[in-house]
Structures are given as C-alpha cells and as structure tokens.
Amino acid sequence: MTLKNGYIQIYTGSGKGKTTAALGLALRGAGAGLKAYMGQFLKSAEYSEHEYLVQHTGLIDVETYGSGSFIEGHPSEEDKRLAEIGLNRAERAMTSGDYDIVILDELNVAVHIGLLSVESVLELMEKRPPKVELVITGRFAPKEMTDRADLVTEMREIKHYFSSGVSARDGIEK
C-alpha cells in the first residue's frame, strides 16, 4: 500500500508525547502495510523503541544522529556534523521511494539550539514527495516551519511527575 496524498505534520510543545505520537503513527501505518523511517536527532540508540523495532518489524526503520550526550551551551562542531549527516540521510530516505512515512524526531530542537538552520529544514520540507507523510517532532517548532506544515499539534504540559523528582523510566519515557 502507498499513500495517495502525504502531508507535513509537526508535533511540538512542552508536554510529553511528541515522539510517542509519531511512533504511534508509524505503528498504525505498519498495520496498514506502510513503511516508515524514523531519524532521531540528538539521541543515541538507547531507547526501548529501538530494541522492539529491531526485533519485531521490518516496516519501521530507525536511525539516530546524535552523540547521546546532553548539549549544554553552544553545540560542538561534532554535534553539528552529526546533525548535518542526519539531515542528509533523512532527505535520502524521504526521496528514495522506499518509505511512506518519514519521521524526523527532535528536529525542532536541533534547529532551536543551532545544529541546523531553519532554511535547511524548509528546503527539506519542499523536497517532500507528494505521497510521503513527513512528521517533525520536538519542542520549539519555528514559526517558518509551522507555517509550512499541514497539521501542527502542540502538546502542553499541565502536570508532570518529573517536577517531583521522578526520572525517565524504561519503557515509559525511554
């Protein structure tokens, strides 16, 4: 199955659930026979979803484009290099004809902290083939990108147990 029409979706905001919503879309797509690619910026392969996807599906491919270390202050040249490599890989995946859904996880944050320019992401968005669903996640979505998107969802935190000292838990937040 292939999509008749693809759109650009952005999941942003300070609330929990942006990556989870994107993975839910990929899972729904896989159930309908669609093939998905997820490129994760600022992350390394230490999340539970990677383990599951490697073991259980051939319809969702995941790559990470980060060093896995938290970026404080100005990003290093290595962080910028990894993000550029990621953006190039994501473009190849999106334009390859192999994928119906392309998810660029934490791309908004990569732009916000200066790893990538808004212009480079807008160029990528313009290259999206008409039958590819492009999903971009992360806090701080730039207005230029949300203006270009077809669907924008903002997750808003009302209450979160992190504020009372609960760390990220395996299988729930990581």
C-alpha atoms as a PDB file:
ATOM      1  CA  MET A   1       0.000   0.000   0.000  1.00  0.00           C
ATOM      2  CA  THR A   2       1.161   3.553  -0.670  1.00  0.00           C
ATOM      3  CA  LEU A   3      -0.345   6.840   0.354  1.00  0.00           C
ATOM      4  CA  LYS A   4      -2.450   8.695  -2.191  1.00  0.00           C
ATOM      5  CA  ASN A   5      -1.582  12.050  -0.596  1.00  0.00           C
ATOM      6  CA  GLY A   6       1.032  12.802   2.036  1.00  0.00           C
ATOM      7  CA  TYR A   7       1.139  15.810   4.325  1.00  0.00           C
ATOM      8  CA  ILE A   8       3.539  17.537   6.695  1.00  0.00           C
ATOM      9  CA  GLN A   9       2.780  17.168  10.399  1.00  0.00           C
ATOM     10  CA  ILE A  10       4.551  18.866  13.303  1.00  0.00           C
ATOM     11  CA  TYR A  11       4.206  17.740  16.927  1.00  0.00           C
ATOM     12  CA  THR A  12       5.614  20.377  19.277  1.00  0.00           C
ATOM     13  CA  GLY A  13       5.159  21.915  22.723  1.00  0.00           C
ATOM     14  CA  SER A  14       6.413  21.388  26.259  1.00  0.00           C
ATOM     15  CA  GLY A  15       4.196  18.396  27.020  1.00  0.00           C
ATOM     16  CA  LYS A  16       5.047  14.697  26.941  1.00  0.00           C
ATOM     17  CA  GLY A  17       4.072  12.593  23.949  1.00  0.00           C
ATOM     18  CA  LYS A  18       5.553  14.042  20.750  1.00  0.00           C
ATOM     19  CA  THR A  19       7.841  11.097  19.950  1.00  0.00           C
ATOM     20  CA  THR A  20       5.229   8.666  21.244  1.00  0.00           C
ATOM     21  CA  ALA A  21       2.596  10.128  18.908  1.00  0.00           C
ATOM     22  CA  ALA A  22       4.984   9.855  15.954  1.00  0.00           C
ATOM     23  CA  LEU A  23       5.762   6.229  16.816  1.00  0.00           C
ATOM     24  CA  GLY A  24       2.024   5.556  17.137  1.00  0.00           C
ATOM     25  CA  LEU A  25       1.539   6.904  13.622  1.00  0.00           C
ATOM     26  CA  ALA A  26       4.369   4.683  12.338  1.00  0.00           C
ATOM     27  CA  LEU A  27       2.812   1.666  14.068  1.00  0.00           C
ATOM     28  CA  ARG A  28      -0.614   2.448  12.618  1.00  0.00           C
ATOM     29  CA  GLY A  29       0.987   2.828   9.193  1.00  0.00           C
ATOM     30  CA  ALA A  30       2.823  -0.508   9.559  1.00  0.00           C
ATOM     31  CA  GLY A  31      -0.514  -2.141  10.376  1.00  0.00           C
ATOM     32  CA  ALA A  32      -1.782  -0.865   7.016  1.00  0.00           C
ATOM     33  CA  GLY A  33       1.342  -2.067   5.206  1.00  0.00           C
ATOM     34  CA  LEU A  34       3.066   1.329   5.030  1.00  0.00           C
ATOM     35  CA  LYS A  35       6.825   1.529   5.507  1.00  0.00           C
ATOM     36  CA  ALA A  36       8.225   4.159   7.882  1.00  0.00           C
ATOM     37  CA  TYR A  37      11.617   5.695   8.527  1.00  0.00           C
ATOM     38  CA  MET A  38      12.417   7.459  11.777  1.00  0.00           C
ATOM     39  CA  GLY A  39      15.515   9.614  12.065  1.00  0.00           C
ATOM     40  CA  GLN A  40      16.193  10.756  15.609  1.00  0.00           C
ATOM     41  CA  PHE A  41      18.254  13.890  16.158  1.00  0.00           C
ATOM     42  CA  LEU A  42      20.100  14.456  19.463  1.00  0.00           C
ATOM     43  CA  LYS A  43      19.609  10.836  20.512  1.00  0.00           C
ATOM     44  CA  SER A  44      21.626   7.664  20.543  1.00  0.00           C
ATOM     45  CA  ALA A  45      20.194   4.150  20.270  1.00  0.00           C
ATOM     46  CA  GLU A  46      19.427   3.748  23.972  1.00  0.00           C
ATOM     47  CA  TYR A  47      15.626   3.877  23.843  1.00  0.00           C
ATOM     48  CA  SER A  48      13.296   0.920  24.293  1.00  0.00           C
ATOM     49  CA  GLU A  49      11.506   1.505  20.981  1.00  0.00           C
ATOM     50  CA  HIS A  50      14.727   0.737  19.090  1.00  0.00           C
ATOM     51  CA  GLU A  51      15.011  -2.695  20.677  1.00  0.00           C
ATOM     52  CA  TYR A  52      11.397  -3.525  19.878  1.00  0.00           C
ATOM     53  CA  LEU A  53      11.525  -2.299  16.289  1.00  0.00           C
ATOM     54  CA  VAL A  54      14.725  -4.236  15.568  1.00  0.00           C
ATOM     55  CA  GLN A  55      13.145  -7.420  16.915  1.00  0.00           C
ATOM     56  CA  HIS A  56       9.557  -7.156  15.651  1.00  0.00           C
ATOM     57  CA  THR A  57       9.066  -5.272  12.461  1.00  0.00           C
ATOM     58  CA  GLY A  58      10.559  -4.852   9.048  1.00  0.00           C
ATOM     59  CA  LEU A  59       8.255  -1.935   8.280  1.00  0.00           C
ATOM     60  CA  ILE A  60       9.797   0.722  10.560  1.00  0.00           C
ATOM     61  CA  ASP A  61      13.483   1.635  10.233  1.00  0.00           C
ATOM     62  CA  VAL A  62      15.169   3.819  12.866  1.00  0.00           C
ATOM     63  CA  GLU A  63      18.459   5.710  12.773  1.00  0.00           C
ATOM     64  CA  THR A  64      19.934   8.054  15.366  1.00  0.00           C
ATOM     65  CA  TYR A  65      22.029  11.107  14.581  1.00  0.00           C
ATOM     66  CA  GLY A  66      23.353  12.162  17.939  1.00  0.00           C
ATOM     67  CA  SER A  67      26.243  11.557  20.265  1.00  0.00           C
ATOM     68  CA  GLY A  68      23.876  10.693  23.105  1.00  0.00           C
ATOM     69  CA  SER A  69      25.341  13.380  25.336  1.00  0.00           C
ATOM     70  CA  PHE A  70      23.313  16.330  26.560  1.00  0.00           C
ATOM     71  CA  ILE A  71      24.207  19.545  24.746  1.00  0.00           C
ATOM     72  CA  GLU A  72      24.722  22.489  27.108  1.00  0.00           C
ATOM     73  CA  GLY A  73      25.572  25.947  25.858  1.00  0.00           C
ATOM     74  CA  HIS A  74      26.798  26.047  22.286  1.00  0.00           C
ATOM     75  CA  PRO A  75      26.789  22.784  20.308  1.00  0.00           C
ATOM     76  CA  SER A  76      30.169  21.394  19.300  1.00  0.00           C
ATOM     77  CA  GLU A  77      31.309  21.079  15.700  1.00  0.00           C
ATOM     78  CA  GLU A  78      30.866  17.307  16.096  1.00  0.00           C
ATOM     79  CA  ASP A  79      27.233  17.779  17.167  1.00  0.00           C
ATOM     80  CA  LYS A  80      26.649  19.979  14.108  1.00  0.00           C
ATOM     81  CA  ARG A  81      28.369  17.437  11.844  1.00  0.00           C
ATOM     82  CA  LEU A  82      26.172  14.596  13.161  1.00  0.00           C
ATOM     83  CA  ALA A  83      23.025  16.703  12.629  1.00  0.00           C
ATOM     84  CA  GLU A  84      24.063  17.522   9.026  1.00  0.00           C
ATOM     85  CA  ILE A  85      24.697  13.836   8.344  1.00  0.00           C
ATOM     86  CA  GLY A  86      21.269  13.106   9.814  1.00  0.00           C
ATOM     87  CA  LEU A  87      19.528  15.697   7.667  1.00  0.00           C
ATOM     88  CA  ASN A  88      21.204  14.276   4.542  1.00  0.00           C
ATOM     89  CA  ARG A  89      20.235  10.703   5.480  1.00  0.00           C
ATOM     90  CA  ALA A  90      16.681  11.813   6.205  1.00  0.00           C
ATOM     91  CA  GLU A  91      16.445  13.506   2.807  1.00  0.00           C
ATOM     92  CA  ARG A  92      17.729  10.366   1.074  1.00  0.00           C
ATOM     93  CA  ALA A  93      15.181   8.243   2.944  1.00  0.00           C
ATOM     94  CA  MET A  94      12.350  10.682   2.174  1.00  0.00           C
ATOM     95  CA  THR A  95      13.129  10.890  -1.553  1.00  0.00           C
ATOM     96  CA  SER A  96      14.138   7.227  -2.041  1.00  0.00           C
ATOM     97  CA  GLY A  97      10.650   5.928  -2.754  1.00  0.00           C
ATOM     98  CA  ASP A  98      11.206   3.271  -0.054  1.00  0.00           C
ATOM     99  CA  TYR A  99       9.166   4.965   2.680  1.00  0.00           C
ATOM    100  CA  ASP A 100       5.585   6.186   3.019  1.00  0.00           C
ATOM    101  CA  ILE A 101       6.116   7.887   6.388  1.00  0.00           C
ATOM    102  CA  VAL A 102       9.260   9.785   7.383  1.00  0.00           C
ATOM    103  CA  ILE A 103       9.590  10.921  10.992  1.00  0.00           C
ATOM    104  CA  LEU A 104      12.266  13.414  11.996  1.00  0.00           C
ATOM    105  CA  ASP A 105      12.276  13.193  15.768  1.00  0.00           C
ATOM    106  CA  GLU A 106      13.601  16.176  17.764  1.00  0.00           C
ATOM    107  CA  LEU A 107      14.353  18.096  14.561  1.00  0.00           C
ATOM    108  CA  ASN A 108      12.694  21.208  16.016  1.00  0.00           C
ATOM    109  CA  VAL A 109      15.114  21.128  18.954  1.00  0.00           C
ATOM    110  CA  ALA A 110      18.089  20.609  16.623  1.00  0.00           C
ATOM    111  CA  VAL A 111      17.087  23.817  14.840  1.00  0.00           C
ATOM    112  CA  HIS A 112      16.383  25.670  18.103  1.00  0.00           C
ATOM    113  CA  ILE A 113      19.853  25.001  19.552  1.00  0.00           C
ATOM    114  CA  GLY A 114      21.640  25.825  16.298  1.00  0.00           C
ATOM    115  CA  LEU A 115      22.629  22.399  14.996  1.00  0.00           C
ATOM    116  CA  LEU A 116      20.739  23.051  11.766  1.00  0.00           C
ATOM    117  CA  SER A 117      19.306  26.141  10.125  1.00  0.00           C
ATOM    118  CA  VAL A 118      15.595  26.744   9.624  1.00  0.00           C
ATOM    119  CA  GLU A 119      16.386  27.291   5.921  1.00  0.00           C
ATOM    120  CA  SER A 120      17.925  23.826   5.544  1.00  0.00           C
ATOM    121  CA  VAL A 121      14.818  22.224   7.072  1.00  0.00           C
ATOM    122  CA  LEU A 122      12.474  24.314   4.920  1.00  0.00           C
ATOM    123  CA  GLU A 123      14.434  23.100   1.859  1.00  0.00           C
ATOM    124  CA  LEU A 124      13.969  19.511   3.030  1.00  0.00           C
ATOM    125  CA  MET A 125      10.244  20.122   3.534  1.00  0.00           C
ATOM    126  CA  GLU A 126       9.986  21.453  -0.043  1.00  0.00           C
ATOM    127  CA  LYS A 127      11.624  18.273  -1.406  1.00  0.00           C
ATOM    128  CA  ARG A 128       8.982  16.002   0.177  1.00  0.00           C
ATOM    129  CA  PRO A 129       7.459  13.763  -2.481  1.00  0.00           C
ATOM    130  CA  PRO A 130       3.646  14.144  -2.667  1.00  0.00           C
ATOM    131  CA  LYS A 131       2.977  10.595  -1.428  1.00  0.00           C
ATOM    132  CA  VAL A 132       5.215  10.831   1.670  1.00  0.00           C
ATOM    133  CA  GLU A 133       3.863  11.776   5.094  1.00  0.00           C
ATOM    134  CA  LEU A 134       6.539  13.864   6.822  1.00  0.00           C
ATOM    135  CA  VAL A 135       6.346  14.134  10.616  1.00  0.00           C
ATOM    136  CA  ILE A 136       8.612  16.507  12.560  1.00  0.00           C
ATOM    137  CA  THR A 137       8.741  16.447  16.358  1.00  0.00           C
ATOM    138  CA  GLY A 138      10.288  18.409  19.190  1.00  0.00           C
ATOM    139  CA  ARG A 139       9.776  21.458  21.324  1.00  0.00           C
ATOM    140  CA  PHE A 140      10.346  24.938  19.939  1.00  0.00           C
ATOM    141  CA  ALA A 141       8.984  24.467  16.403  1.00  0.00           C
ATOM    142  CA  PRO A 142       9.951  27.582  14.430  1.00  0.00           C
ATOM    143  CA  LYS A 143       7.077  29.629  13.011  1.00  0.00           C
ATOM    144  CA  GLU A 144       8.501  29.320   9.489  1.00  0.00           C
ATOM    145  CA  MET A 145       8.165  25.529   9.764  1.00  0.00           C
ATOM    146  CA  THR A 146       4.693  25.523  11.356  1.00  0.00           C
ATOM    147  CA  ASP A 147       3.508  27.920   8.651  1.00  0.00           C
ATOM    148  CA  ARG A 148       4.669  25.417   6.009  1.00  0.00           C
ATOM    149  CA  ALA A 149       3.138  22.359   7.751  1.00  0.00           C
ATOM    150  CA  ASP A 150      -0.334  20.998   7.017  1.00  0.00           C
ATOM    151  CA  LEU A 151      -1.015  19.867  10.591  1.00  0.00           C
ATOM    152  CA  VAL A 152       0.508  21.236  13.799  1.00  0.00           C
ATOM    153  CA  THR A 153      -0.227  19.732  17.203  1.00  0.00           C
ATOM    154  CA  GLU A 154       1.039  21.343  20.393  1.00  0.00           C
ATOM    155  CA  MET A 155       1.428  19.112  23.430  1.00  0.00           C
ATOM    156  CA  ARG A 156       1.049  21.269  26.530  1.00  0.00           C
ATOM    157  CA  GLU A 157       2.262  20.192  29.937  1.00  0.00           C
ATOM    158  CA  ILE A 158      -0.329  20.668  32.648  1.00  0.00           C
ATOM    159  CA  LYS A 159       1.252  18.417  35.255  1.00  0.00           C
ATOM    160  CA  HIS A 160       4.258  16.070  35.107  1.00  0.00           C
ATOM    161  CA  TYR A 161       5.781  13.788  37.724  1.00  0.00           C
ATOM    162  CA  PHE A 162       9.293  14.850  36.619  1.00  0.00           C
ATOM    163  CA  SER A 163       8.739  18.008  38.711  1.00  0.00           C
ATOM    164  CA  SER A 164       8.537  15.853  41.838  1.00  0.00           C
ATOM    165  CA  GLY A 165      11.869  14.165  41.039  1.00  0.00           C
ATOM    166  CA  VAL A 166      10.789  11.098  39.038  1.00  0.00           C
ATOM    167  CA  SER A 167      13.470  10.164  36.485  1.00  0.00           C
ATOM    168  CA  ALA A 168      12.799   8.896  32.966  1.00  0.00           C
ATOM    169  CA  ARG A 169      11.627   5.282  33.199  1.00  0.00           C
ATOM    170  CA  ASP A 170      12.498   2.423  30.834  1.00  0.00           C
ATOM    171  CA  GLY A 171       9.549   1.583  28.608  1.00  0.00           C
ATOM    172  CA  ILE A 172       7.642   4.766  29.509  1.00  0.00           C
ATOM    173  CA  GLU A 173       9.893   7.770  28.796  1.00  0.00           C
ATOM    174  CA  LYS A 174      12.875   5.967  27.315  1.00  0.00           C
END
